[in-house]
């Protein structure tokens, strides 16, 4: 059997695994967050969910990109787990931001941005990330992310800023109230994911001026606070990866135009770009 390269892109909710050749088809498992799973738990997850789908493929190289991997201890834990599951393979573990950089920029210089549940941005020199805008997380930062936009939706709802039409649409879409919302945000786990779950409401109600204001203002905050501070942004294309970037790509493109940035690729997820990168 032909030795294979396995590429992985993992968030905390879902992980996509791709054997570029000969199958060219992804398989999926639960996401791997090294903040919540230890090495042994990751091994057990991979053995239960991934290996049966690979059907005894002889993997000789694994390129893993995932959430939490900027932390050296987390990256070490994931690498150890992968080495246990694929003892004959060469293992490389990197960050989700590197995945965005390689998927968007390929081997060229450029800016890479993540606009998903969270947000991030960097300058990629064609080989490595040399400048990264500091991420402050969903409480203090994450401008332009799903959590950031979802938080705006809840503010408009709870402050009763929405007009009657939007308020009725919100109530028809979500069975919730002020007490439940505050409980989810301040007491329950994964509040960033909860906040992000309200972003589809924006996509479903495009055209209403309040909805457009939330989208445009939220994404503009990302452009102003992050992209605008990279000196390289005036020289090289800006690429975007993530569900928010893809879902509101018309606004992203309009903002690039208004700022004078050269818009590059806009990808819903990085896998196709990663396959191209590693096949070159």
C-alpha atoms as a PDB file:
ATOM      1  CA  UNK A   1       0.000   0.000   0.000  1.00  0.00           C
ATOM      2  CA  UNK A   2       1.271   3.462  -0.910  1.00  0.00           C
ATOM      3  CA  UNK A   3       2.550   5.555   2.052  1.00  0.00           C
ATOM      4  CA  UNK A   4       0.368   8.603   2.582  1.00  0.00           C
ATOM      5  CA  UNK A   5       0.420  12.151   3.932  1.00  0.00           C
ATOM      6  CA  UNK A   6      -2.353  13.065   6.365  1.00  0.00           C
ATOM      7  CA  UNK A   7      -3.349  16.717   6.845  1.00  0.00           C
ATOM      8  CA  UNK A   8      -5.471  17.767   9.830  1.00  0.00           C
ATOM      9  CA  UNK A   9      -7.275  20.993  10.649  1.00  0.00           C
ATOM     10  CA  UNK A  10      -8.811  20.914  14.119  1.00  0.00           C
ATOM     11  CA  UNK A  11     -10.914  23.332  16.083  1.00  0.00           C
ATOM     12  CA  UNK A  12     -12.303  22.593  19.511  1.00  0.00           C
ATOM     13  CA  UNK A  13     -15.602  21.333  18.066  1.00  0.00           C
ATOM     14  CA  UNK A  14     -14.689  19.471  14.868  1.00  0.00           C
ATOM     15  CA  UNK A  15     -11.542  18.182  13.168  1.00  0.00           C
ATOM     16  CA  UNK A  16     -11.131  17.612   9.435  1.00  0.00           C
ATOM     17  CA  UNK A  17      -8.603  15.001   8.240  1.00  0.00           C
ATOM     18  CA  UNK A  18      -7.531  14.687   4.607  1.00  0.00           C
ATOM     19  CA  UNK A  19      -5.482  12.143   2.712  1.00  0.00           C
ATOM     20  CA  UNK A  20      -4.815  14.293  -0.388  1.00  0.00           C
ATOM     21  CA  UNK A  21      -4.002  11.320  -2.623  1.00  0.00           C
ATOM     22  CA  UNK A  22      -5.407   9.067  -3.818  1.00  0.00           C
ATOM     23  CA  UNK A  23      -8.724   9.647  -1.997  1.00  0.00           C
ATOM     24  CA  UNK A  24      -9.027  13.442  -1.987  1.00  0.00           C
ATOM     25  CA  UNK A  25     -11.820  13.136   0.542  1.00  0.00           C
ATOM     26  CA  UNK A  26     -12.057  14.372   4.108  1.00  0.00           C
ATOM     27  CA  UNK A  27     -13.108  12.450   7.178  1.00  0.00           C
ATOM     28  CA  UNK A  28     -14.204  14.085  10.412  1.00  0.00           C
ATOM     29  CA  UNK A  29     -13.821  13.529  14.130  1.00  0.00           C
ATOM     30  CA  UNK A  30     -14.558  15.472  17.264  1.00  0.00           C
ATOM     31  CA  UNK A  31     -12.374  18.523  17.650  1.00  0.00           C
ATOM     32  CA  UNK A  32      -9.232  18.291  19.749  1.00  0.00           C
ATOM     33  CA  UNK A  33      -8.701  20.984  22.335  1.00  0.00           C
ATOM     34  CA  UNK A  34      -5.554  20.285  24.362  1.00  0.00           C
ATOM     35  CA  UNK A  35      -6.962  22.563  27.056  1.00  0.00           C
ATOM     36  CA  UNK A  36      -9.724  20.029  27.720  1.00  0.00           C
ATOM     37  CA  UNK A  37      -8.183  16.707  26.636  1.00  0.00           C
ATOM     38  CA  UNK A  38      -4.969  15.162  27.948  1.00  0.00           C
ATOM     39  CA  UNK A  39      -2.613  13.072  25.806  1.00  0.00           C
ATOM     40  CA  UNK A  40      -4.255   9.731  26.606  1.00  0.00           C
ATOM     41  CA  UNK A  41      -7.741  11.087  25.912  1.00  0.00           C
ATOM     42  CA  UNK A  42      -6.545  12.378  22.525  1.00  0.00           C
ATOM     43  CA  UNK A  43      -5.081   8.951  21.736  1.00  0.00           C
ATOM     44  CA  UNK A  44      -8.377   7.255  22.637  1.00  0.00           C
ATOM     45  CA  UNK A  45     -10.355   9.721  20.519  1.00  0.00           C
ATOM     46  CA  UNK A  46      -8.128   9.125  17.482  1.00  0.00           C
ATOM     47  CA  UNK A  47      -8.233   5.353  17.890  1.00  0.00           C
ATOM     48  CA  UNK A  48     -12.016   5.344  18.201  1.00  0.00           C
ATOM     49  CA  UNK A  49     -12.960   7.932  15.584  1.00  0.00           C
ATOM     50  CA  UNK A  50     -10.116   8.432  13.106  1.00  0.00           C
ATOM     51  CA  UNK A  51      -8.389   5.102  12.548  1.00  0.00           C
ATOM     52  CA  UNK A  52     -11.553   3.197  11.508  1.00  0.00           C
ATOM     53  CA  UNK A  53     -12.192   5.817   8.802  1.00  0.00           C
ATOM     54  CA  UNK A  54      -8.633   5.612   7.442  1.00  0.00           C
ATOM     55  CA  UNK A  55      -9.026   1.869   6.819  1.00  0.00           C
ATOM     56  CA  UNK A  56      -5.430   0.827   7.555  1.00  0.00           C
ATOM     57  CA  UNK A  57      -3.873   3.524   5.369  1.00  0.00           C
ATOM     58  CA  UNK A  58      -0.107   3.595   5.874  1.00  0.00           C
ATOM     59  CA  UNK A  59       0.414   7.170   6.996  1.00  0.00           C
ATOM     60  CA  UNK A  60       4.048   8.285   6.819  1.00  0.00           C
ATOM     61  CA  UNK A  61       3.624  12.035   7.335  1.00  0.00           C
ATOM     62  CA  UNK A  62       1.126  13.973   9.482  1.00  0.00           C
ATOM     63  CA  UNK A  63       0.717  17.746   9.245  1.00  0.00           C
ATOM     64  CA  UNK A  64      -1.529  18.775  12.119  1.00  0.00           C
ATOM     65  CA  UNK A  65      -2.882  22.311  12.533  1.00  0.00           C
ATOM     66  CA  UNK A  66      -5.044  23.059  15.534  1.00  0.00           C
ATOM     67  CA  UNK A  67      -6.457  25.268  18.199  1.00  0.00           C
ATOM     68  CA  UNK A  68      -4.343  25.775  21.312  1.00  0.00           C
ATOM     69  CA  UNK A  69      -1.096  24.769  19.577  1.00  0.00           C
ATOM     70  CA  UNK A  70       0.606  28.120  20.136  1.00  0.00           C
ATOM     71  CA  UNK A  71       1.124  26.827  23.676  1.00  0.00           C
ATOM     72  CA  UNK A  72       4.273  24.615  23.537  1.00  0.00           C
ATOM     73  CA  UNK A  73       2.944  22.174  26.144  1.00  0.00           C
ATOM     74  CA  UNK A  74      -0.294  21.719  24.210  1.00  0.00           C
ATOM     75  CA  UNK A  75       1.591  21.148  20.953  1.00  0.00           C
ATOM     76  CA  UNK A  76       3.832  18.610  22.711  1.00  0.00           C
ATOM     77  CA  UNK A  77       0.791  16.723  24.047  1.00  0.00           C
ATOM     78  CA  UNK A  78      -0.842  16.502  20.615  1.00  0.00           C
ATOM     79  CA  UNK A  79       2.402  15.431  18.943  1.00  0.00           C
ATOM     80  CA  UNK A  80       2.887  12.681  21.527  1.00  0.00           C
ATOM     81  CA  UNK A  81      -0.669  11.445  20.951  1.00  0.00           C
ATOM     82  CA  UNK A  82      -0.262  11.436  17.169  1.00  0.00           C
ATOM     83  CA  UNK A  83       3.072   9.617  17.467  1.00  0.00           C
ATOM     84  CA  UNK A  84       1.373   6.948  19.570  1.00  0.00           C
ATOM     85  CA  UNK A  85      -1.356   6.452  16.966  1.00  0.00           C
ATOM     86  CA  UNK A  86       1.001   6.708  13.964  1.00  0.00           C
ATOM     87  CA  UNK A  87       4.312   5.303  15.323  1.00  0.00           C
ATOM     88  CA  UNK A  88       6.014   5.117  11.898  1.00  0.00           C
ATOM     89  CA  UNK A  89       5.015   8.605  10.770  1.00  0.00           C
ATOM     90  CA  UNK A  90       6.821  11.930  10.865  1.00  0.00           C
ATOM     91  CA  UNK A  91       4.657  14.354  12.878  1.00  0.00           C
ATOM     92  CA  UNK A  92       4.480  18.142  12.492  1.00  0.00           C
ATOM     93  CA  UNK A  93       2.185  20.163  14.771  1.00  0.00           C
ATOM     94  CA  UNK A  94       1.394  23.813  14.117  1.00  0.00           C
ATOM     95  CA  UNK A  95      -1.137  26.519  14.913  1.00  0.00           C
ATOM     96  CA  UNK A  96      -4.492  27.296  13.303  1.00  0.00           C
ATOM     97  CA  UNK A  97      -3.011  30.670  12.332  1.00  0.00           C
ATOM     98  CA  UNK A  98      -0.246  28.927  10.393  1.00  0.00           C
ATOM     99  CA  UNK A  99      -2.958  26.891   8.671  1.00  0.00           C
ATOM    100  CA  UNK A 100      -4.650  30.119   7.598  1.00  0.00           C
ATOM    101  CA  UNK A 101      -1.323  31.585   6.436  1.00  0.00           C
ATOM    102  CA  UNK A 102      -0.337  28.578   4.349  1.00  0.00           C
ATOM    103  CA  UNK A 103      -3.859  28.078   2.985  1.00  0.00           C
ATOM    104  CA  UNK A 104      -4.249  31.706   1.995  1.00  0.00           C
ATOM    105  CA  UNK A 105      -0.739  32.808   1.070  1.00  0.00           C
ATOM    106  CA  UNK A 106       0.708  29.510  -0.145  1.00  0.00           C
ATOM    107  CA  UNK A 107       4.450  30.136  -0.514  1.00  0.00           C
ATOM    108  CA  UNK A 108       4.011  33.873  -1.157  1.00  0.00           C
ATOM    109  CA  UNK A 109       4.180  36.875   1.166  1.00  0.00           C
ATOM    110  CA  UNK A 110       0.885  38.162   2.500  1.00  0.00           C
ATOM    111  CA  UNK A 111      -1.444  38.857   5.409  1.00  0.00           C
ATOM    112  CA  UNK A 112      -3.551  35.994   6.760  1.00  0.00           C
ATOM    113  CA  UNK A 113      -6.672  36.462   8.863  1.00  0.00           C
ATOM    114  CA  UNK A 114      -8.936  34.094  10.761  1.00  0.00           C
ATOM    115  CA  UNK A 115     -12.536  35.248  11.080  1.00  0.00           C
ATOM    116  CA  UNK A 116     -14.391  32.340  12.667  1.00  0.00           C
ATOM    117  CA  UNK A 117     -15.621  31.801  16.221  1.00  0.00           C
ATOM    118  CA  UNK A 118     -12.545  33.843  17.173  1.00  0.00           C
ATOM    119  CA  UNK A 119     -10.316  36.139  15.138  1.00  0.00           C
ATOM    120  CA  UNK A 120      -6.590  36.476  14.522  1.00  0.00           C
ATOM    121  CA  UNK A 121      -4.208  37.957  11.964  1.00  0.00           C
ATOM    122  CA  UNK A 122      -0.558  37.805  10.948  1.00  0.00           C
ATOM    123  CA  UNK A 123       2.037  38.692   8.340  1.00  0.00           C
ATOM    124  CA  UNK A 124       3.478  35.628   6.572  1.00  0.00           C
ATOM    125  CA  UNK A 125       6.764  36.069   4.697  1.00  0.00           C
ATOM    126  CA  UNK A 126       6.243  33.005   2.509  1.00  0.00           C
ATOM    127  CA  UNK A 127       7.946  30.690   4.975  1.00  0.00           C
ATOM    128  CA  UNK A 128       6.973  31.721   8.487  1.00  0.00           C
ATOM    129  CA  UNK A 129       4.839  34.108  10.504  1.00  0.00           C
ATOM    130  CA  UNK A 130       6.967  37.115  11.416  1.00  0.00           C
ATOM    131  CA  UNK A 131       4.343  39.464  12.844  1.00  0.00           C
ATOM    132  CA  UNK A 132       1.145  38.638  14.747  1.00  0.00           C
ATOM    133  CA  UNK A 133      -1.471  41.063  15.994  1.00  0.00           C
ATOM    134  CA  UNK A 134      -1.964  40.323  19.715  1.00  0.00           C
ATOM    135  CA  UNK A 135      -5.098  38.309  20.405  1.00  0.00           C
ATOM    136  CA  UNK A 136      -6.996  39.248  23.549  1.00  0.00           C
ATOM    137  CA  UNK A 137      -9.694  36.577  23.365  1.00  0.00           C
ATOM    138  CA  UNK A 138     -13.439  36.998  23.210  1.00  0.00           C
ATOM    139  CA  UNK A 139     -13.765  39.110  26.392  1.00  0.00           C
ATOM    140  CA  UNK A 140     -11.364  41.916  25.458  1.00  0.00           C
ATOM    141  CA  UNK A 141     -10.864  41.358  21.740  1.00  0.00           C
ATOM    142  CA  UNK A 142     -11.719  38.952  18.917  1.00  0.00           C
ATOM    143  CA  UNK A 143     -12.999  41.838  16.818  1.00  0.00           C
ATOM    144  CA  UNK A 144     -14.853  40.683  13.711  1.00  0.00           C
ATOM    145  CA  UNK A 145     -15.310  37.137  15.023  1.00  0.00           C
ATOM    146  CA  UNK A 146     -18.497  35.134  15.429  1.00  0.00           C
ATOM    147  CA  UNK A 147     -18.323  35.658  19.188  1.00  0.00           C
ATOM    148  CA  UNK A 148     -17.886  39.419  18.701  1.00  0.00           C
ATOM    149  CA  UNK A 149     -20.790  39.705  16.251  1.00  0.00           C
ATOM    150  CA  UNK A 150     -22.977  37.410  18.349  1.00  0.00           C
ATOM    151  CA  UNK A 151     -22.303  39.577  21.394  1.00  0.00           C
ATOM    152  CA  UNK A 152     -23.527  42.604  19.400  1.00  0.00           C
ATOM    153  CA  UNK A 153     -26.738  40.748  18.514  1.00  0.00           C
ATOM    154  CA  UNK A 154     -27.399  40.032  22.188  1.00  0.00           C
ATOM    155  CA  UNK A 155     -26.626  43.628  23.165  1.00  0.00           C
ATOM    156  CA  UNK A 156     -29.131  44.931  20.606  1.00  0.00           C
ATOM    157  CA  UNK A 157     -31.698  42.438  21.898  1.00  0.00           C
ATOM    158  CA  UNK A 158     -31.159  42.937  25.635  1.00  0.00           C
ATOM    159  CA  UNK A 159     -30.879  46.735  25.370  1.00  0.00           C
ATOM    160  CA  UNK A 160     -34.088  46.650  23.295  1.00  0.00           C
ATOM    161  CA  UNK A 161     -32.350  48.415  20.424  1.00  0.00           C
ATOM    162  CA  UNK A 162     -33.907  46.086  17.837  1.00  0.00           C
ATOM    163  CA  UNK A 163     -37.129  47.387  16.324  1.00  0.00           C
ATOM    164  CA  UNK A 164     -40.321  45.352  16.764  1.00  0.00           C
ATOM    165  CA  UNK A 165     -39.760  43.420  13.535  1.00  0.00           C
ATOM    166  CA  UNK A 166     -36.252  42.219  14.461  1.00  0.00           C
ATOM    167  CA  UNK A 167     -37.202  41.531  18.055  1.00  0.00           C
ATOM    168  CA  UNK A 168     -40.081  39.329  16.842  1.00  0.00           C
ATOM    169  CA  UNK A 169     -37.711  37.507  14.462  1.00  0.00           C
ATOM    170  CA  UNK A 170     -35.214  36.975  17.286  1.00  0.00           C
ATOM    171  CA  UNK A 171     -37.902  35.575  19.613  1.00  0.00           C
ATOM    172  CA  UNK A 172     -39.134  33.279  16.845  1.00  0.00           C
ATOM    173  CA  UNK A 173     -35.607  31.991  16.205  1.00  0.00           C
ATOM    174  CA  UNK A 174     -34.300  31.584  19.762  1.00  0.00           C
ATOM    175  CA  UNK A 175     -36.245  30.257  22.723  1.00  0.00           C
ATOM    176  CA  UNK A 176     -34.381  32.248  25.341  1.00  0.00           C
ATOM    177  CA  UNK A 177     -34.642  35.201  27.698  1.00  0.00           C
ATOM    178  CA  UNK A 178     -32.439  37.620  29.629  1.00  0.00           C
ATOM    179  CA  UNK A 179     -31.897  35.257  32.580  1.00  0.00           C
ATOM    180  CA  UNK A 180     -30.900  32.325  30.341  1.00  0.00           C
ATOM    181  CA  UNK A 181     -28.584  34.478  28.217  1.00  0.00           C
ATOM    182  CA  UNK A 182     -26.704  35.903  31.199  1.00  0.00           C
ATOM    183  CA  UNK A 183     -26.466  32.448  32.755  1.00  0.00           C
ATOM    184  CA  UNK A 184     -24.966  31.007  29.557  1.00  0.00           C
ATOM    185  CA  UNK A 185     -22.470  33.841  29.194  1.00  0.00           C
ATOM    186  CA  UNK A 186     -21.288  34.149  32.793  1.00  0.00           C
ATOM    187  CA  UNK A 187     -21.758  30.694  34.315  1.00  0.00           C
ATOM    188  CA  UNK A 188     -21.690  28.015  31.626  1.00  0.00           C
ATOM    189  CA  UNK A 189     -18.608  26.640  29.806  1.00  0.00           C
ATOM    190  CA  UNK A 190     -17.552  27.802  26.319  1.00  0.00           C
ATOM    191  CA  UNK A 191     -19.318  31.188  26.334  1.00  0.00           C
ATOM    192  CA  UNK A 192     -17.441  32.224  23.163  1.00  0.00           C
ATOM    193  CA  UNK A 193     -19.085  29.385  21.249  1.00  0.00           C
ATOM    194  CA  UNK A 194     -22.461  30.338  22.737  1.00  0.00           C
ATOM    195  CA  UNK A 195     -22.046  33.952  21.646  1.00  0.00           C
ATOM    196  CA  UNK A 196     -21.012  32.847  18.172  1.00  0.00           C
ATOM    197  CA  UNK A 197     -24.205  30.797  17.829  1.00  0.00           C
ATOM    198  CA  UNK A 198     -26.133  34.063  17.343  1.00  0.00           C
ATOM    199  CA  UNK A 199     -24.139  35.095  14.271  1.00  0.00           C
ATOM    200  CA  UNK A 200     -26.358  33.107  11.836  1.00  0.00           C
ATOM    201  CA  UNK A 201     -29.200  35.446  12.846  1.00  0.00           C
ATOM    202  CA  UNK A 202     -27.262  38.196  11.062  1.00  0.00           C
ATOM    203  CA  UNK A 203     -26.887  36.135   7.888  1.00  0.00           C
ATOM    204  CA  UNK A 204     -30.585  35.246   7.923  1.00  0.00           C
ATOM    205  CA  UNK A 205     -31.706  38.870   8.205  1.00  0.00           C
ATOM    206  CA  UNK A 206     -29.439  40.646   5.739  1.00  0.00           C
ATOM    207  CA  UNK A 207     -30.843  43.865   4.308  1.00  0.00           C
ATOM    208  CA  UNK A 208     -32.210  45.312   7.557  1.00  0.00           C
ATOM    209  CA  UNK A 209     -30.198  48.424   8.391  1.00  0.00           C
ATOM    210  CA  UNK A 210     -29.561  47.362  12.009  1.00  0.00           C
ATOM    211  CA  UNK A 211     -28.246  43.979  10.876  1.00  0.00           C
ATOM    212  CA  UNK A 212     -26.005  45.588   8.261  1.00  0.00           C
ATOM    213  CA  UNK A 213     -24.702  48.031  10.878  1.00  0.00           C
ATOM    214  CA  UNK A 214     -23.719  45.200  13.245  1.00  0.00           C
ATOM    215  CA  UNK A 215     -21.899  43.300  10.486  1.00  0.00           C
ATOM    216  CA  UNK A 216     -20.124  46.333   9.035  1.00  0.00           C
ATOM    217  CA  UNK A 217     -19.156  47.816  12.407  1.00  0.00           C
ATOM    218  CA  UNK A 218     -17.957  44.472  13.790  1.00  0.00           C
ATOM    219  CA  UNK A 219     -15.793  43.684  10.775  1.00  0.00           C
ATOM    220  CA  UNK A 220     -14.545  47.256  10.550  1.00  0.00           C
ATOM    221  CA  UNK A 221     -13.334  46.979  14.149  1.00  0.00           C
ATOM    222  CA  UNK A 222     -11.143  44.070  13.016  1.00  0.00           C
ATOM    223  CA  UNK A 223      -9.765  46.026  10.054  1.00  0.00           C
ATOM    224  CA  UNK A 224      -9.114  49.137  12.146  1.00  0.00           C
ATOM    225  CA  UNK A 225      -7.686  47.516  15.270  1.00  0.00           C
ATOM    226  CA  UNK A 226      -5.603  44.823  13.574  1.00  0.00           C
ATOM    227  CA  UNK A 227      -5.040  44.948   9.813  1.00  0.00           C
ATOM    228  CA  UNK A 228      -4.546  48.699   9.777  1.00  0.00           C
ATOM    229  CA  UNK A 229      -1.527  48.289  12.091  1.00  0.00           C
ATOM    230  CA  UNK A 230       0.491  46.000   9.816  1.00  0.00           C
ATOM    231  CA  UNK A 231       2.943  48.028   7.704  1.00  0.00           C
ATOM    232  CA  UNK A 232       2.970  45.136   5.207  1.00  0.00           C
ATOM    233  CA  UNK A 233      -0.775  45.429   4.554  1.00  0.00           C
ATOM    234  CA  UNK A 234      -0.114  48.168   1.994  1.00  0.00           C
ATOM    235  CA  UNK A 235       2.261  45.936   0.000  1.00  0.00           C
ATOM    236  CA  UNK A 236       0.808  42.432  -0.036  1.00  0.00           C
ATOM    237  CA  UNK A 237      -2.610  40.759  -0.440  1.00  0.00           C
ATOM    238  CA  UNK A 238      -4.832  40.068   2.555  1.00  0.00           C
ATOM    239  CA  UNK A 239      -6.328  36.562   2.769  1.00  0.00           C
ATOM    240  CA  UNK A 240      -9.217  35.469   4.979  1.00  0.00           C
ATOM    241  CA  UNK A 241     -10.207  32.077   6.389  1.00  0.00           C
ATOM    242  CA  UNK A 242     -13.277  31.184   8.439  1.00  0.00           C
ATOM    243  CA  UNK A 243     -17.047  30.983   8.465  1.00  0.00           C
ATOM    244  CA  UNK A 244     -17.555  34.674   9.263  1.00  0.00           C
ATOM    245  CA  UNK A 245     -15.200  35.791   6.481  1.00  0.00           C
ATOM    246  CA  UNK A 246     -16.937  33.479   4.022  1.00  0.00           C
ATOM    247  CA  UNK A 247     -20.490  34.260   5.137  1.00  0.00           C
ATOM    248  CA  UNK A 248     -19.985  38.032   4.949  1.00  0.00           C
ATOM    249  CA  UNK A 249     -17.414  38.097   2.148  1.00  0.00           C
ATOM    250  CA  UNK A 250     -19.259  40.933   0.398  1.00  0.00           C
ATOM    251  CA  UNK A 251     -18.626  43.155   3.428  1.00  0.00           C
ATOM    252  CA  UNK A 252     -15.022  41.944   3.721  1.00  0.00           C
ATOM    253  CA  UNK A 253     -14.368  42.839   0.083  1.00  0.00           C
ATOM    254  CA  UNK A 254     -16.026  46.244   0.473  1.00  0.00           C
ATOM    255  CA  UNK A 255     -13.897  47.017   3.537  1.00  0.00           C
ATOM    256  CA  UNK A 256     -10.725  45.972   1.706  1.00  0.00           C
ATOM    257  CA  UNK A 257     -11.693  48.379  -1.060  1.00  0.00           C
ATOM    258  CA  UNK A 258     -12.428  51.260   1.316  1.00  0.00           C
ATOM    259  CA  UNK A 259      -9.142  50.755   3.212  1.00  0.00           C
ATOM    260  CA  UNK A 260      -7.158  50.369   0.008  1.00  0.00           C
ATOM    261  CA  UNK A 261      -6.098  46.776   0.773  1.00  0.00           C
ATOM    262  CA  UNK A 262      -5.536  44.157  -1.918  1.00  0.00           C
ATOM    263  CA  UNK A 263      -8.084  41.415  -1.154  1.00  0.00           C
ATOM    264  CA  UNK A 264      -6.724  37.912  -1.617  1.00  0.00           C
ATOM    265  CA  UNK A 265      -8.402  34.552  -1.119  1.00  0.00           C
ATOM    266  CA  UNK A 266     -11.493  34.158   1.073  1.00  0.00           C
ATOM    267  CA  UNK A 267     -11.861  30.555   2.252  1.00  0.00           C
ATOM    268  CA  UNK A 268     -14.556  28.981   4.404  1.00  0.00           C
ATOM    269  CA  UNK A 269     -11.935  26.615   5.830  1.00  0.00           C
ATOM    270  CA  UNK A 270      -8.227  26.127   5.155  1.00  0.00           C
ATOM    271  CA  UNK A 271      -8.147  22.489   3.998  1.00  0.00           C
ATOM    272  CA  UNK A 272      -8.083  22.971   0.216  1.00  0.00           C
ATOM    273  CA  UNK A 273      -5.369  25.597   0.571  1.00  0.00           C
ATOM    274  CA  UNK A 274      -3.347  23.325   2.862  1.00  0.00           C
ATOM    275  CA  UNK A 275      -3.566  20.466   0.379  1.00  0.00           C
ATOM    276  CA  UNK A 276      -2.273  22.768  -2.373  1.00  0.00           C
ATOM    277  CA  UNK A 277       0.501  24.039  -0.096  1.00  0.00           C
ATOM    278  CA  UNK A 278       1.776  20.585   0.858  1.00  0.00           C
ATOM    279  CA  UNK A 279       1.544  19.219  -2.683  1.00  0.00           C
ATOM    280  CA  UNK A 280       3.728  21.989  -4.118  1.00  0.00           C
END
